[in-house]
Amino acid sequence: MKSITYESCRSLLLRVLPLLLLAAAPVWADIVLNPGFTAPPNYTPGSTGSWTLTVQNTGDMAETDLDVATSFPTGATVTAASCSTVGTGSVCDNNLNSGELASTGNKIAVGGSISFSLTLSYTANMALDPLAATATITSSDPTQSSAPTASSVLRR
């Protein structure tokens, strides 16, 4: 019968312990969202204009439930929206709600992006100068401490 010595137990433990610690270590992944708004530098009351909102995921984890909402001032109304994606598994929704983009359930693959092309109508009596717009991005990632935003300003 072979006896187990302290030294043999210690040796085995020193070989196995690092593997156990590695297996139990959490996998830290991150969703990094970079929103950006682009629009022409000027707008004309009584006309329409085009805006583009792009959200990129430069993190190492896919975004699985992203909400995107725009906020335009009174007199500027989103009349049409379309969306496109980059990255396998990226999905976008171009839902409009009361003249604003209200897109929910979007997915962005690692290294992917979604882009929204918006057509806006400006009322003839609109006199804002500058016209400021904001897009709020709400991520499914609980480590995002605040909702990223993108903003753009147009001159009359």
C-alpha atoms as a PDB file:
ATOM      1  CA  MET A   1       0.000   0.000   0.000  1.00  0.00           C
ATOM      2  CA  LYS A   2       1.346   3.348  -1.042  1.00  0.00           C
ATOM      3  CA  SER A   3       1.107   6.163   1.472  1.00  0.00           C
ATOM      4  CA  ILE A   4       0.243   9.728   0.598  1.00  0.00           C
ATOM      5  CA  THR A   5       2.734  12.204   1.883  1.00  0.00           C
ATOM      6  CA  TYR A   6       2.350  15.880   2.559  1.00  0.00           C
ATOM      7  CA  GLU A   7       4.816  16.634  -0.210  1.00  0.00           C
ATOM      8  CA  SER A   8       2.865  14.664  -2.844  1.00  0.00           C
ATOM      9  CA  CYS A   9      -0.407  16.407  -1.878  1.00  0.00           C
ATOM     10  CA  ARG A  10       1.274  19.797  -1.977  1.00  0.00           C
ATOM     11  CA  SER A  11       2.774  19.061  -5.383  1.00  0.00           C
ATOM     12  CA  LEU A  12      -0.576  17.970  -6.800  1.00  0.00           C
ATOM     13  CA  LEU A  13      -2.356  20.985  -5.335  1.00  0.00           C
ATOM     14  CA  LEU A  14       0.188  23.384  -6.830  1.00  0.00           C
ATOM     15  CA  ARG A  15      -0.410  21.869 -10.265  1.00  0.00           C
ATOM     16  CA  VAL A  16      -4.202  21.749 -10.083  1.00  0.00           C
ATOM     17  CA  LEU A  17      -4.959  25.005  -8.248  1.00  0.00           C
ATOM     18  CA  PRO A  18      -4.034  27.359 -11.132  1.00  0.00           C
ATOM     19  CA  LEU A  19      -6.308  25.389 -13.465  1.00  0.00           C
ATOM     20  CA  LEU A  20      -9.193  25.589 -11.007  1.00  0.00           C
ATOM     21  CA  LEU A  21      -8.720  29.321 -10.580  1.00  0.00           C
ATOM     22  CA  LEU A  22      -8.635  29.848 -14.334  1.00  0.00           C
ATOM     23  CA  ALA A  23     -11.809  27.836 -14.833  1.00  0.00           C
ATOM     24  CA  ALA A  24     -13.634  29.808 -12.136  1.00  0.00           C
ATOM     25  CA  ALA A  25     -12.498  33.248 -13.310  1.00  0.00           C
ATOM     26  CA  PRO A  26     -15.273  35.384 -14.819  1.00  0.00           C
ATOM     27  CA  VAL A  27     -15.033  36.303 -18.462  1.00  0.00           C
ATOM     28  CA  TRP A  28     -15.115  40.088 -18.707  1.00  0.00           C
ATOM     29  CA  ALA A  29     -16.592  41.305 -21.923  1.00  0.00           C
ATOM     30  CA  ASP A  30     -17.506  44.806 -22.877  1.00  0.00           C
ATOM     31  CA  ILE A  31     -19.927  46.465 -25.216  1.00  0.00           C
ATOM     32  CA  VAL A  32     -18.521  49.777 -26.410  1.00  0.00           C
ATOM     33  CA  LEU A  33     -21.063  51.828 -28.334  1.00  0.00           C
ATOM     34  CA  ASN A  34     -19.990  54.827 -30.380  1.00  0.00           C
ATOM     35  CA  PRO A  35     -22.954  56.801 -31.731  1.00  0.00           C
ATOM     36  CA  GLY A  36     -22.537  59.532 -34.330  1.00  0.00           C
ATOM     37  CA  PHE A  37     -25.018  61.925 -35.970  1.00  0.00           C
ATOM     38  CA  THR A  38     -24.352  63.482 -39.369  1.00  0.00           C
ATOM     39  CA  ALA A  39     -26.470  66.023 -41.198  1.00  0.00           C
ATOM     40  CA  PRO A  40     -25.932  68.847 -43.663  1.00  0.00           C
ATOM     41  CA  PRO A  41     -24.692  72.042 -41.985  1.00  0.00           C
ATOM     42  CA  ASN A  42     -27.867  74.020 -42.744  1.00  0.00           C
ATOM     43  CA  TYR A  43     -31.614  73.498 -42.923  1.00  0.00           C
ATOM     44  CA  THR A  44     -34.328  75.445 -44.741  1.00  0.00           C
ATOM     45  CA  PRO A  45     -37.760  75.995 -43.129  1.00  0.00           C
ATOM     46  CA  GLY A  46     -40.542  74.453 -45.228  1.00  0.00           C
ATOM     47  CA  SER A  47     -38.238  71.808 -46.718  1.00  0.00           C
ATOM     48  CA  THR A  48     -36.934  68.351 -45.880  1.00  0.00           C
ATOM     49  CA  GLY A  49     -33.518  67.179 -44.793  1.00  0.00           C
ATOM     50  CA  SER A  50     -31.539  63.981 -44.352  1.00  0.00           C
ATOM     51  CA  TRP A  51     -29.853  62.854 -41.153  1.00  0.00           C
ATOM     52  CA  THR A  52     -27.813  59.718 -40.514  1.00  0.00           C
ATOM     53  CA  LEU A  53     -27.290  58.101 -37.127  1.00  0.00           C
ATOM     54  CA  THR A  54     -24.666  55.355 -36.863  1.00  0.00           C
ATOM     55  CA  VAL A  55     -23.941  53.250 -33.778  1.00  0.00           C
ATOM     56  CA  GLN A  56     -20.772  51.122 -33.792  1.00  0.00           C
ATOM     57  CA  ASN A  57     -19.883  48.329 -31.362  1.00  0.00           C
ATOM     58  CA  THR A  58     -16.121  48.418 -30.813  1.00  0.00           C
ATOM     59  CA  GLY A  59     -16.275  46.198 -27.729  1.00  0.00           C
ATOM     60  CA  ASP A  60     -15.588  42.483 -27.463  1.00  0.00           C
ATOM     61  CA  MET A  61     -19.176  41.391 -26.788  1.00  0.00           C
ATOM     62  CA  ALA A  62     -22.238  41.557 -29.047  1.00  0.00           C
ATOM     63  CA  GLU A  63     -24.997  44.029 -28.168  1.00  0.00           C
ATOM     64  CA  THR A  64     -28.222  42.013 -28.028  1.00  0.00           C
ATOM     65  CA  ASP A  65     -30.947  44.493 -27.089  1.00  0.00           C
ATOM     66  CA  LEU A  66     -30.210  48.095 -28.033  1.00  0.00           C
ATOM     67  CA  ASP A  67     -32.801  50.871 -28.017  1.00  0.00           C
ATOM     68  CA  VAL A  68     -32.282  54.048 -30.052  1.00  0.00           C
ATOM     69  CA  ALA A  69     -34.477  57.146 -29.752  1.00  0.00           C
ATOM     70  CA  THR A  70     -34.191  60.582 -31.347  1.00  0.00           C
ATOM     71  CA  SER A  71     -35.295  63.920 -29.992  1.00  0.00           C
ATOM     72  CA  PHE A  72     -35.892  66.733 -32.478  1.00  0.00           C
ATOM     73  CA  PRO A  73     -37.400  70.118 -31.591  1.00  0.00           C
ATOM     74  CA  THR A  74     -41.013  71.016 -32.370  1.00  0.00           C
ATOM     75  CA  GLY A  75     -41.352  71.725 -36.077  1.00  0.00           C
ATOM     76  CA  ALA A  76     -38.843  69.064 -37.145  1.00  0.00           C
ATOM     77  CA  THR A  77     -40.543  65.718 -37.737  1.00  0.00           C
ATOM     78  CA  VAL A  78     -39.036  62.398 -38.798  1.00  0.00           C
ATOM     79  CA  THR A  79     -41.201  61.371 -41.760  1.00  0.00           C
ATOM     80  CA  ALA A  80     -39.254  58.302 -42.919  1.00  0.00           C
ATOM     81  CA  ALA A  81     -36.560  56.028 -41.560  1.00  0.00           C
ATOM     82  CA  SER A  82     -34.577  53.119 -42.909  1.00  0.00           C
ATOM     83  CA  CYS A  83     -31.793  51.134 -41.335  1.00  0.00           C
ATOM     84  CA  SER A  84     -28.858  49.044 -42.466  1.00  0.00           C
ATOM     85  CA  THR A  85     -26.386  46.809 -40.647  1.00  0.00           C
ATOM     86  CA  VAL A  86     -22.758  45.777 -40.815  1.00  0.00           C
ATOM     87  CA  GLY A  87     -21.664  42.511 -39.202  1.00  0.00           C
ATOM     88  CA  THR A  88     -23.101  39.003 -39.161  1.00  0.00           C
ATOM     89  CA  GLY A  89     -25.895  38.906 -36.600  1.00  0.00           C
ATOM     90  CA  SER A  90     -26.512  42.657 -36.564  1.00  0.00           C
ATOM     91  CA  VAL A  91     -30.236  43.474 -36.781  1.00  0.00           C
ATOM     92  CA  CYS A  92     -31.998  46.851 -36.783  1.00  0.00           C
ATOM     93  CA  ASP A  93     -35.537  48.185 -36.455  1.00  0.00           C
ATOM     94  CA  ASN A  94     -36.653  51.453 -38.096  1.00  0.00           C
ATOM     95  CA  ASN A  95     -39.827  52.080 -36.083  1.00  0.00           C
ATOM     96  CA  LEU A  96     -41.225  55.619 -35.979  1.00  0.00           C
ATOM     97  CA  ASN A  97     -43.313  56.898 -33.067  1.00  0.00           C
ATOM     98  CA  SER A  98     -44.946  60.357 -33.070  1.00  0.00           C
ATOM     99  CA  GLY A  99     -42.448  61.830 -35.519  1.00  0.00           C
ATOM    100  CA  GLU A 100     -39.335  60.449 -33.816  1.00  0.00           C
ATOM    101  CA  LEU A 101     -37.187  57.363 -34.305  1.00  0.00           C
ATOM    102  CA  ALA A 102     -38.103  54.824 -31.599  1.00  0.00           C
ATOM    103  CA  SER A 103     -36.072  51.755 -32.503  1.00  0.00           C
ATOM    104  CA  THR A 104     -35.993  48.795 -30.100  1.00  0.00           C
ATOM    105  CA  GLY A 105     -34.460  45.327 -29.978  1.00  0.00           C
ATOM    106  CA  ASN A 106     -31.478  46.159 -32.184  1.00  0.00           C
ATOM    107  CA  LYS A 107     -28.475  43.839 -32.247  1.00  0.00           C
ATOM    108  CA  ILE A 108     -24.901  44.827 -33.098  1.00  0.00           C
ATOM    109  CA  ALA A 109     -22.221  42.197 -33.665  1.00  0.00           C
ATOM    110  CA  VAL A 110     -18.700  42.673 -32.326  1.00  0.00           C
ATOM    111  CA  GLY A 111     -17.067  45.128 -34.724  1.00  0.00           C
ATOM    112  CA  GLY A 112     -20.427  45.756 -36.386  1.00  0.00           C
ATOM    113  CA  SER A 113     -22.682  48.762 -36.693  1.00  0.00           C
ATOM    114  CA  ILE A 114     -26.206  49.882 -37.451  1.00  0.00           C
ATOM    115  CA  SER A 115     -27.069  53.029 -39.399  1.00  0.00           C
ATOM    116  CA  PHE A 116     -30.376  54.859 -39.526  1.00  0.00           C
ATOM    117  CA  SER A 117     -31.154  57.138 -42.477  1.00  0.00           C
ATOM    118  CA  LEU A 118     -33.787  59.659 -41.414  1.00  0.00           C
ATOM    119  CA  THR A 119     -35.826  62.052 -43.553  1.00  0.00           C
ATOM    120  CA  LEU A 120     -37.079  65.091 -41.665  1.00  0.00           C
ATOM    121  CA  SER A 121     -39.695  67.647 -42.563  1.00  0.00           C
ATOM    122  CA  TYR A 122     -39.234  71.206 -41.282  1.00  0.00           C
ATOM    123  CA  THR A 123     -42.295  73.446 -40.866  1.00  0.00           C
ATOM    124  CA  ALA A 124     -42.353  76.665 -42.898  1.00  0.00           C
ATOM    125  CA  ASN A 125     -42.428  78.851 -39.779  1.00  0.00           C
ATOM    126  CA  MET A 126     -39.533  77.095 -38.068  1.00  0.00           C
ATOM    127  CA  ALA A 127     -37.135  79.757 -36.841  1.00  0.00           C
ATOM    128  CA  LEU A 128     -34.689  77.825 -34.670  1.00  0.00           C
ATOM    129  CA  ASP A 129     -31.086  78.797 -35.182  1.00  0.00           C
ATOM    130  CA  PRO A 130     -29.402  76.551 -34.326  1.00  0.00           C
ATOM    131  CA  LEU A 131     -31.592  73.464 -34.592  1.00  0.00           C
ATOM    132  CA  ALA A 132     -30.288  70.876 -32.116  1.00  0.00           C
ATOM    133  CA  ALA A 133     -31.095  67.161 -32.195  1.00  0.00           C
ATOM    134  CA  THR A 134     -30.159  64.323 -29.863  1.00  0.00           C
ATOM    135  CA  ALA A 135     -30.151  60.535 -30.108  1.00  0.00           C
ATOM    136  CA  THR A 136     -30.140  58.446 -26.931  1.00  0.00           C
ATOM    137  CA  ILE A 137     -28.738  54.922 -27.001  1.00  0.00           C
ATOM    138  CA  THR A 138     -29.796  52.438 -24.291  1.00  0.00           C
ATOM    139  CA  SER A 139     -27.709  49.264 -24.070  1.00  0.00           C
ATOM    140  CA  SER A 140     -28.540  45.831 -22.676  1.00  0.00           C
ATOM    141  CA  ASP A 141     -25.081  45.840 -21.039  1.00  0.00           C
ATOM    142  CA  PRO A 142     -25.511  46.571 -17.315  1.00  0.00           C
ATOM    143  CA  THR A 143     -21.934  47.883 -17.119  1.00  0.00           C
ATOM    144  CA  GLN A 144     -22.821  50.881 -19.280  1.00  0.00           C
ATOM    145  CA  SER A 145     -23.011  53.538 -16.558  1.00  0.00           C
ATOM    146  CA  SER A 146     -24.931  56.006 -18.687  1.00  0.00           C
ATOM    147  CA  ALA A 147     -26.723  55.974 -21.983  1.00  0.00           C
ATOM    148  CA  PRO A 148     -24.419  57.214 -24.726  1.00  0.00           C
ATOM    149  CA  THR A 149     -25.825  60.104 -26.694  1.00  0.00           C
ATOM    150  CA  ALA A 150     -25.088  61.718 -30.018  1.00  0.00           C
ATOM    151  CA  SER A 151     -26.038  65.232 -30.956  1.00  0.00           C
ATOM    152  CA  SER A 152     -25.978  67.451 -33.999  1.00  0.00           C
ATOM    153  CA  VAL A 153     -26.623  71.132 -34.599  1.00  0.00           C
ATOM    154  CA  LEU A 154     -27.790  72.767 -37.847  1.00  0.00           C
ATOM    155  CA  ARG A 155     -27.808  76.443 -38.746  1.00  0.00           C
ATOM    156  CA  ARG A 156     -30.591  78.148 -40.609  1.00  0.00           C
END
